[in-house]
Amino acid sequence: MVTCKDFLRELGDYLDESVDPQVREELSKHINECPNCWVVLNTTQKTIQVYKGMDPEPLPEGVHDRLIGALEKKIKSQA
């Protein structure tokens, strides 16, 4: 049985359609039965559509380096 936590863990792969077909079927069933997860999926899909329609904006100076530094720090803390 798929839980909301399982759904959130697999959301990216579900949206990319790269999740195992059997898992996708179980997630779809959960989404149809769980109004909260349906809202999360629907909102995420709409957000992606909005962003796909926008022109890319360059990052302000220094943001890229700070972002990479923060990601590296997070990865090291999880190791």
N, C-alpha and C. Protein backbone atom coordinates (compact mmCIF):
# COMPACT_ATOMS: atom_id res chain seq x y z
N MET A 1 0.84 -1.18 0.00
CA MET A 1 0.00 0.00 0.00
C MET A 1 0.89 1.24 0.00
N VAL A 2 0.61 2.15 -0.92
CA VAL A 2 1.38 3.38 -1.06
C VAL A 2 0.89 4.41 -0.04
N THR A 3 1.84 5.06 0.62
CA THR A 3 1.50 6.12 1.56
C THR A 3 1.77 7.47 0.91
N CYS A 4 1.32 8.53 1.56
CA CYS A 4 1.59 9.88 1.06
C CYS A 4 3.09 10.14 1.01
N LYS A 5 3.81 9.62 1.99
CA LYS A 5 5.27 9.77 2.02
C LYS A 5 5.91 9.08 0.81
N ASP A 6 5.41 7.89 0.48
CA ASP A 6 5.90 7.17 -0.71
C ASP A 6 5.64 8.00 -1.96
N PHE A 7 4.44 8.56 -2.06
CA PHE A 7 4.08 9.37 -3.21
C PHE A 7 5.03 10.56 -3.36
N LEU A 8 5.28 11.27 -2.27
CA LEU A 8 6.16 12.44 -2.33
C LEU A 8 7.58 12.05 -2.71
N ARG A 9 8.03 10.90 -2.25
CA ARG A 9 9.37 10.42 -2.58
C ARG A 9 9.49 10.12 -4.08
N GLU A 10 8.43 9.66 -4.68
CA GLU A 10 8.44 9.25 -6.09
C GLU A 10 7.90 10.32 -7.04
N LEU A 11 7.49 11.47 -6.51
CA LEU A 11 6.82 12.48 -7.33
C LEU A 11 7.62 12.90 -8.55
N GLY A 12 8.91 13.16 -8.38
CA GLY A 12 9.74 13.58 -9.51
C GLY A 12 9.77 12.55 -10.62
N ASP A 13 10.00 11.29 -10.25
CA ASP A 13 10.03 10.22 -11.24
C ASP A 13 8.65 9.99 -11.85
N TYR A 14 7.61 10.17 -11.05
CA TYR A 14 6.24 10.03 -11.56
C TYR A 14 5.99 11.07 -12.63
N LEU A 15 6.37 12.31 -12.36
CA LEU A 15 6.17 13.39 -13.33
C LEU A 15 7.01 13.19 -14.58
N ASP A 16 8.22 12.65 -14.40
CA ASP A 16 9.12 12.39 -15.54
C ASP A 16 8.73 11.13 -16.29
N GLU A 17 7.78 10.37 -15.74
CA GLU A 17 7.35 9.10 -16.31
C GLU A 17 8.50 8.10 -16.39
N SER A 18 9.39 8.18 -15.39
CA SER A 18 10.53 7.25 -15.37
C SER A 18 10.42 6.23 -14.25
N VAL A 19 9.31 6.24 -13.55
CA VAL A 19 9.11 5.29 -12.46
C VAL A 19 8.66 3.95 -13.06
N ASP A 20 8.98 2.87 -12.37
CA ASP A 20 8.59 1.53 -12.79
C ASP A 20 7.07 1.49 -13.04
N PRO A 21 6.63 0.86 -14.13
CA PRO A 21 5.19 0.84 -14.46
C PRO A 21 4.29 0.34 -13.33
N GLN A 22 4.73 -0.67 -12.60
CA GLN A 22 3.91 -1.19 -11.50
C GLN A 22 3.81 -0.16 -10.38
N VAL A 23 4.92 0.50 -10.07
CA VAL A 23 4.92 1.54 -9.04
C VAL A 23 4.05 2.70 -9.50
N ARG A 24 4.14 3.06 -10.77
CA ARG A 24 3.32 4.14 -11.32
C ARG A 24 1.83 3.83 -11.15
N GLU A 25 1.46 2.60 -11.41
CA GLU A 25 0.06 2.20 -11.26
C GLU A 25 -0.39 2.33 -9.80
N GLU A 26 0.46 1.91 -8.87
CA GLU A 26 0.14 2.02 -7.45
C GLU A 26 0.05 3.49 -7.02
N LEU A 27 0.97 4.32 -7.53
CA LEU A 27 0.94 5.75 -7.21
C LEU A 27 -0.32 6.40 -7.77
N SER A 28 -0.67 6.04 -9.00
CA SER A 28 -1.89 6.60 -9.62
C SER A 28 -3.13 6.24 -8.80
N LYS A 29 -3.18 5.01 -8.34
CA LYS A 29 -4.31 4.59 -7.50
C LYS A 29 -4.36 5.43 -6.22
N HIS A 30 -3.21 5.62 -5.60
CA HIS A 30 -3.16 6.42 -4.38
C HIS A 30 -3.62 7.86 -4.66
N ILE A 31 -3.14 8.43 -5.75
CA ILE A 31 -3.50 9.81 -6.10
C ILE A 31 -5.01 9.94 -6.29
N ASN A 32 -5.62 8.95 -6.91
CA ASN A 32 -7.06 8.98 -7.14
C ASN A 32 -7.86 8.83 -5.85
N GLU A 33 -7.25 8.24 -4.83
CA GLU A 33 -7.96 8.01 -3.57
C GLU A 33 -7.60 9.04 -2.49
N CYS A 34 -6.54 9.81 -2.70
CA CYS A 34 -6.06 10.74 -1.67
C CYS A 34 -6.16 12.18 -2.19
N PRO A 35 -7.12 12.94 -1.70
CA PRO A 35 -7.28 14.31 -2.19
C PRO A 35 -6.06 15.19 -1.94
N ASN A 36 -5.35 14.97 -0.86
CA ASN A 36 -4.16 15.79 -0.58
C ASN A 36 -3.06 15.55 -1.61
N CYS A 37 -2.81 14.31 -1.94
CA CYS A 37 -1.77 14.00 -2.93
C CYS A 37 -2.21 14.42 -4.32
N TRP A 38 -3.50 14.35 -4.60
CA TRP A 38 -4.01 14.82 -5.89
C TRP A 38 -3.72 16.31 -6.04
N VAL A 39 -3.94 17.07 -4.98
CA VAL A 39 -3.69 18.52 -5.02
C VAL A 39 -2.20 18.79 -5.22
N VAL A 40 -1.34 18.05 -4.53
CA VAL A 40 0.10 18.22 -4.70
C VAL A 40 0.50 17.95 -6.15
N LEU A 41 0.02 16.86 -6.71
CA LEU A 41 0.34 16.52 -8.10
C LEU A 41 -0.18 17.57 -9.06
N ASN A 42 -1.42 17.95 -8.91
CA ASN A 42 -2.05 18.93 -9.80
C ASN A 42 -1.32 20.27 -9.74
N THR A 43 -1.03 20.72 -8.55
CA THR A 43 -0.34 22.01 -8.38
C THR A 43 1.07 21.96 -8.95
N THR A 44 1.76 20.86 -8.73
CA THR A 44 3.11 20.71 -9.26
C THR A 44 3.09 20.70 -10.78
N GLN A 45 2.14 19.98 -11.38
CA GLN A 45 2.03 19.95 -12.84
C GLN A 45 1.75 21.35 -13.40
N LYS A 46 0.86 22.09 -12.76
CA LYS A 46 0.55 23.45 -13.21
C LYS A 46 1.75 24.38 -13.07
N THR A 47 2.49 24.22 -11.98
CA THR A 47 3.68 25.04 -11.77
C THR A 47 4.71 24.77 -12.86
N ILE A 48 4.91 23.52 -13.20
CA ILE A 48 5.85 23.15 -14.26
C ILE A 48 5.41 23.77 -15.58
N GLN A 49 4.12 23.73 -15.88
CA GLN A 49 3.62 24.32 -17.12
C GLN A 49 3.90 25.82 -17.16
N VAL A 50 3.71 26.50 -16.05
CA VAL A 50 3.98 27.95 -15.99
C VAL A 50 5.45 28.22 -16.26
N TYR A 51 6.32 27.48 -15.58
CA TYR A 51 7.75 27.71 -15.75
C TYR A 51 8.24 27.35 -17.14
N LYS A 52 7.66 26.35 -17.76
CA LYS A 52 8.06 25.98 -19.12
C LYS A 52 7.74 27.10 -20.10
N GLY A 53 6.72 27.89 -19.80
CA GLY A 53 6.32 28.98 -20.68
C GLY A 53 7.11 30.27 -20.48
N MET A 54 8.00 30.29 -19.51
CA MET A 54 8.76 31.50 -19.21
C MET A 54 10.13 31.48 -19.89
N ASP A 55 10.66 32.66 -20.15
CA ASP A 55 12.02 32.77 -20.66
C ASP A 55 12.99 32.64 -19.50
N PRO A 56 14.11 31.96 -19.72
CA PRO A 56 15.09 31.82 -18.64
C PRO A 56 15.69 33.18 -18.26
N GLU A 57 15.95 33.34 -16.99
CA GLU A 57 16.58 34.55 -16.47
C GLU A 57 17.94 34.17 -15.91
N PRO A 58 18.96 34.98 -16.18
CA PRO A 58 20.28 34.66 -15.62
C PRO A 58 20.28 34.85 -14.11
N LEU A 59 21.10 34.03 -13.43
CA LEU A 59 21.25 34.17 -11.99
C LEU A 59 22.03 35.44 -11.67
N PRO A 60 21.66 36.12 -10.61
CA PRO A 60 22.47 37.28 -10.20
C PRO A 60 23.90 36.85 -9.89
N GLU A 61 24.82 37.77 -10.04
CA GLU A 61 26.24 37.47 -9.82
C GLU A 61 26.47 36.88 -8.42
N GLY A 62 27.22 35.81 -8.36
CA GLY A 62 27.56 35.18 -7.09
C GLY A 62 26.58 34.12 -6.61
N VAL A 63 25.37 34.12 -7.12
CA VAL A 63 24.36 33.17 -6.65
C VAL A 63 24.75 31.74 -7.02
N HIS A 64 25.25 31.54 -8.22
CA HIS A 64 25.65 30.20 -8.67
C HIS A 64 26.69 29.60 -7.72
N ASP A 65 27.74 30.38 -7.41
CA ASP A 65 28.79 29.87 -6.53
C ASP A 65 28.26 29.58 -5.14
N ARG A 66 27.39 30.44 -4.60
CA ARG A 66 26.82 30.20 -3.27
C ARG A 66 25.92 28.96 -3.28
N LEU A 67 25.17 28.78 -4.35
CA LEU A 67 24.30 27.62 -4.46
C LEU A 67 25.11 26.33 -4.51
N ILE A 68 26.14 26.31 -5.33
CA ILE A 68 26.99 25.12 -5.43
C ILE A 68 27.65 24.84 -4.07
N GLY A 69 28.11 25.88 -3.40
CA GLY A 69 28.73 25.71 -2.09
C GLY A 69 27.76 25.12 -1.08
N ALA A 70 26.51 25.62 -1.08
CA ALA A 70 25.50 25.11 -0.16
C ALA A 70 25.17 23.65 -0.46
N LEU A 71 25.08 23.30 -1.74
CA LEU A 71 24.81 21.91 -2.12
C LEU A 71 25.95 20.99 -1.70
N GLU A 72 27.18 21.43 -1.92
CA GLU A 72 28.34 20.61 -1.52
C GLU A 72 28.36 20.41 -0.01
N LYS A 73 28.06 21.46 0.74
CA LYS A 73 28.02 21.35 2.20
C LYS A 73 26.94 20.37 2.65
N LYS A 74 25.76 20.43 2.01
CA LYS A 74 24.66 19.53 2.35
C LYS A 74 25.04 18.08 2.05
N ILE A 75 25.66 17.85 0.91
CA ILE A 75 26.06 16.50 0.52
C ILE A 75 27.08 15.94 1.51
N LYS A 76 28.05 16.76 1.90
CA LYS A 76 29.07 16.32 2.85
C LYS A 76 28.46 15.99 4.21
N SER A 77 27.45 16.75 4.62
CA SER A 77 26.84 16.51 5.93
C SER A 77 26.01 15.23 5.95
N GLN A 78 25.60 14.75 4.79
CA GLN A 78 24.80 13.53 4.69
C GLN A 78 25.67 12.28 4.58
N ALA A 79 26.94 12.48 4.29
CA ALA A 79 27.84 11.33 4.11
C ALA A 79 28.25 10.70 5.41
